[in-house]
Protein backbone atom coordinates (compact mmCIF):
# COMPACT_ATOMS: atom_id res chain seq x y z
CA LEU A 1 149.40 138.60 123.48
CA PRO A 2 148.12 140.94 120.75
CA ALA A 3 145.92 143.81 121.88
CA SER A 4 143.67 143.79 118.79
CA LEU A 5 141.25 141.05 119.77
CA ASN A 6 137.52 140.91 119.12
CA HIS A 7 136.29 141.10 122.72
CA LEU A 8 133.12 139.22 121.82
CA SER A 9 135.09 136.15 120.79
CA VAL A 10 137.82 135.56 123.38
CA VAL A 11 137.65 132.30 125.31
CA PHE A 12 139.81 130.31 127.74
CA SER A 13 140.13 126.56 127.80
CA ALA A 14 138.86 124.88 130.97
CA ASN A 15 142.45 124.32 132.17
CA ALA A 16 143.32 127.99 131.46
CA MET A 17 146.32 126.89 129.38
CA ARG A 18 144.88 128.10 126.06
CA LEU A 19 143.27 131.35 124.93
CA ALA A 20 141.46 131.77 121.62
CA GLY A 21 140.45 135.02 119.97
CA VAL A 22 140.05 136.93 116.72
CA HIS A 23 143.13 138.90 115.72
CA VAL A 24 142.48 141.94 113.47
CA GLU A 25 145.32 143.40 111.39
CA SER A 26 145.37 147.16 111.97
CA GLU A 27 146.14 148.11 108.36
CA THR A 28 144.34 145.52 106.23
CA ARG A 29 141.57 144.70 108.76
CA ASP A 30 142.06 141.05 107.83
CA ARG A 31 140.81 138.75 110.57
CA THR A 32 142.46 135.57 111.82
CA ILE A 33 141.28 133.19 114.50
CA LYS A 34 144.22 132.40 116.76
CA VAL A 35 145.02 130.23 119.76
CA TRP A 36 147.80 131.10 122.19
CA ASP A 37 149.59 129.39 125.05
CA THR A 38 148.68 131.51 128.09
CA GLU A 39 151.99 130.93 129.89
CA SER A 40 154.42 131.68 127.05
CA GLY A 41 152.20 133.71 124.69
CA ALA A 42 153.25 131.40 121.85
CA GLU A 43 150.87 131.19 118.90
CA LEU A 44 149.56 127.65 118.50
CA LEU A 45 146.98 128.01 115.73
CA ALA A 46 146.09 130.60 113.08
CA VAL A 47 143.03 130.29 110.83
CA PRO A 48 142.44 133.15 108.33
CA LEU A 49 138.82 134.18 107.89
CA LEU A 50 137.16 134.85 104.57
CA ARG A 51 136.21 138.47 104.01
CA SER A 52 132.59 137.34 103.59
CA HIS A 53 132.55 136.28 107.25
CA SER A 54 131.55 139.11 109.58
CA SER A 55 133.66 139.23 112.76
CA SER A 56 130.50 140.01 114.76
CA THR A 57 129.11 136.56 113.99
CA ILE A 58 132.14 134.49 115.04
CA SER A 59 131.80 132.17 118.02
CA LEU A 60 134.60 130.15 119.57
CA ALA A 61 134.74 127.29 122.07
CA LEU A 62 137.84 125.49 123.30
CA HIS A 63 137.58 121.80 124.12
CA PRO A 64 138.08 121.10 127.86
CA ASP A 65 141.41 119.38 127.12
CA GLY A 66 142.67 122.55 125.39
CA ASN A 67 143.68 120.63 122.27
CA ARG A 68 140.69 121.36 120.02
CA LEU A 69 138.93 124.53 118.93
CA ALA A 70 135.36 124.84 117.62
CA VAL A 71 134.59 127.81 115.38
CA THR A 72 131.31 129.01 113.88
CA THR A 73 131.08 131.72 111.23
CA LEU A 74 128.02 133.14 109.51
CA ALA A 75 128.59 134.12 105.88
CA GLN A 76 126.72 136.85 104.05
CA ASP A 77 124.73 134.26 102.10
CA GLY A 78 123.19 133.08 105.38
CA SER A 79 125.07 129.78 105.63
CA LEU A 80 126.46 128.80 109.01
CA GLU A 81 129.75 126.89 109.09
CA LEU A 82 131.00 124.98 112.11
CA LYS A 83 134.54 123.60 112.16
CA MET A 84 136.51 121.68 114.76
CA TYR A 85 140.30 122.13 114.62
CA ASP A 86 143.07 120.05 116.15
CA ILE A 87 145.35 122.68 117.67
CA THR A 88 148.43 120.43 117.62
CA THR A 89 148.19 119.37 113.95
CA ARG A 90 146.42 122.62 112.88
CA ALA A 91 144.07 120.52 110.75
CA ALA A 92 140.27 120.60 110.60
CA ILE A 93 138.82 117.44 112.17
CA PHE A 94 135.36 117.97 110.68
CA SER A 95 133.25 120.68 109.06
CA ILE A 96 129.47 121.19 109.26
CA ARG A 97 127.40 123.57 107.17
CA GLU A 98 123.90 124.69 108.15
CA ARG A 99 121.50 127.13 106.57
CA SER A 100 120.80 130.06 108.84
CA ASN A 101 118.88 133.30 108.78
CA PRO A 102 120.75 136.20 107.13
CA ASP A 103 118.28 138.81 108.46
CA GLN A 104 120.58 141.26 110.26
CA THR A 105 117.69 142.67 112.33
CA ASN A 106 117.54 139.40 114.27
CA ASP A 107 120.43 139.79 116.72
CA PHE A 108 120.06 136.32 118.24
CA LEU A 109 120.25 134.41 114.99
CA THR A 110 123.08 136.49 113.53
CA ARG A 111 125.18 138.58 115.91
CA ASP A 112 124.73 136.56 119.09
CA ARG A 113 125.56 133.07 117.91
CA LYS A 114 126.07 130.72 120.85
CA LEU A 115 128.48 127.78 120.95
CA TRP A 116 129.21 125.26 123.72
CA ILE A 117 131.22 122.12 124.39
CA SER A 118 130.05 119.97 127.30
CA ASP A 119 132.36 119.59 130.28
CA ASP A 120 133.09 115.97 129.38
CA GLY A 121 134.09 117.06 125.86
CA MET A 122 131.65 114.65 124.24
CA ARG A 123 129.01 117.01 122.86
CA LEU A 124 129.05 120.23 120.89
CA ALA A 125 126.04 122.53 120.73
CA MET A 126 125.17 125.77 118.96
CA THR A 127 122.14 127.89 118.20
CA VAL A 128 120.70 127.36 114.74
CA ASN A 129 117.84 128.63 112.64
CA GLY A 130 114.65 126.80 113.59
CA GLY A 131 112.62 127.93 110.58
CA GLU A 132 109.38 129.91 110.79
CA ASP A 133 106.07 129.41 112.58
CA ASN A 134 103.19 131.49 111.22
CA GLY A 135 105.67 134.00 109.84
CA THR A 136 107.66 134.27 113.10
CA LYS A 137 111.34 133.33 112.91
CA GLN A 138 112.17 130.49 115.29
CA SER A 139 115.46 129.41 116.86
CA ALA A 140 116.78 126.05 118.02
CA VAL A 141 119.84 124.41 119.57
CA GLY A 142 121.63 121.73 117.58
CA PHE A 143 123.76 119.04 119.23
CA TRP A 144 126.67 117.20 117.58
CA ASP A 145 129.21 114.57 118.58
CA ALA A 146 132.31 116.66 119.38
CA GLY A 147 134.61 113.93 118.09
CA THR A 148 133.00 113.03 114.77
CA GLY A 149 130.63 115.88 113.94
CA GLU A 150 127.65 113.52 113.78
CA LYS A 151 124.32 115.31 114.37
CA LEU A 152 122.70 114.07 117.57
CA ALA A 153 119.59 116.22 118.03
CA THR A 154 117.88 119.53 117.32
CA VAL A 155 115.93 121.11 120.18
CA PRO A 156 113.46 123.87 119.13
CA LEU A 157 113.28 126.87 121.46
CA PRO A 158 109.87 128.29 122.41
CA GLY A 159 108.87 131.78 121.33
CA PRO A 160 110.25 133.93 118.50
CA TRP A 161 113.84 134.11 119.78
CA PRO A 162 115.32 134.39 123.30
CA SER A 163 117.24 137.39 124.57
CA ASN A 164 119.77 135.01 126.13
CA VAL A 165 120.39 131.28 126.19
CA THR A 166 122.79 128.96 127.97
CA ILE A 167 123.35 125.22 128.30
CA SER A 168 124.20 123.32 131.48
CA PRO A 169 127.78 122.00 131.73
CA ASP A 170 126.63 118.41 131.14
CA GLY A 171 124.52 119.44 128.14
CA SER A 172 121.30 118.04 129.60
CA ARG A 173 119.37 121.31 130.02
CA ILE A 174 118.87 124.58 128.16
CA ALA A 175 117.92 127.80 129.96
CA LEU A 176 116.68 130.87 128.09
CA THR A 177 115.11 134.22 128.83
CA ASN A 178 112.28 135.32 126.60
CA PRO A 179 109.81 138.20 126.93
CA SER A 180 106.26 136.95 126.48
CA VAL A 181 102.91 138.69 126.64
CA VAL A 182 100.98 137.45 129.69
CA THR A 183 97.56 138.84 128.84
CA GLU A 184 96.25 140.82 125.93
CA GLY A 185 97.12 144.49 126.29
CA ALA A 186 99.38 143.90 129.31
CA ALA A 187 103.05 144.80 129.52
CA ASP A 188 105.57 142.14 128.57
CA ALA A 189 106.78 139.78 131.27
CA VAL A 190 110.23 138.23 131.37
CA ALA A 191 110.68 134.60 132.37
CA ILE A 192 113.37 131.95 132.45
CA THR A 193 112.45 128.79 130.57
CA ILE A 194 114.35 125.58 131.37
CA LEU A 195 114.19 122.78 128.81
CA ASP A 196 115.19 119.18 129.44
CA VAL A 197 117.04 118.22 126.24
CA ALA A 198 116.08 114.52 126.36
CA ALA A 199 112.44 115.26 127.19
CA THR A 200 112.17 117.87 124.44
CA ALA A 201 113.57 115.41 121.91
CA ASN A 202 111.04 112.83 123.16
CA PRO A 203 107.96 114.73 124.44
CA GLU A 204 106.22 111.51 125.54
CA ALA A 205 108.98 110.84 128.06
CA SER A 206 108.03 113.73 130.35
CA THR A 207 105.01 115.93 131.09
CA GLU A 208 106.97 118.52 133.11
CA ASN A 209 108.97 120.07 130.30
CA PRO A 210 109.59 122.96 130.04
CA VAL A 211 109.86 124.63 133.47
CA THR A 212 109.08 128.37 133.53
CA ILE A 213 110.34 130.76 136.21
CA PRO A 214 108.72 134.25 136.06
CA LEU A 215 111.14 137.11 136.72
CA ALA A 216 109.04 140.22 136.18
CA GLY A 217 105.55 141.09 135.06
CA PRO A 218 103.25 144.05 134.56
CA ALA A 219 103.01 146.47 137.45
CA SER A 220 99.91 146.00 139.64
């Protein structure tokens, strides 16, 4: 396998038979998303990237069956493109375009784009721009049908933007860490917030969402 891979964007398939990464040509610096067979090293898919797409904003996710690859890229104009490729036919199955936040000071919304495919291969999720609330940039997680690209739901995330976020393997819950001020003038406290996706989409269905787990607070 080539040595010049973007280490932020290398992923295995669940069956460990496929590896996807971003190959960078040493002379031209042109970037290509590639998928390899992990036993033979054979190249199975190559997708050239536009020069307007920064390699730091590329996210990859291999479908559990190893036959499909999801790719998100954030262009300089702030648009977010999500594509699902069939690795065997090398064709794009569907393409989704979302407006995102081009502000490069916001690492979560630009450089730390998250992308998931549920363990059953049915749902695709990624972090998206959630707009603004009283001048504060918000983030959200969007869910799509992994087979058709149909939008299923958008779940807003609490707070300005989390320092980290993950989704449970079945896609039912979102966990995020977010520093929040406990009391006026006190040091920031870090907590884990767990969101039930169904309850967040339908707030009347549950009164126990979200769940907050404090990790650290101001010294006593």
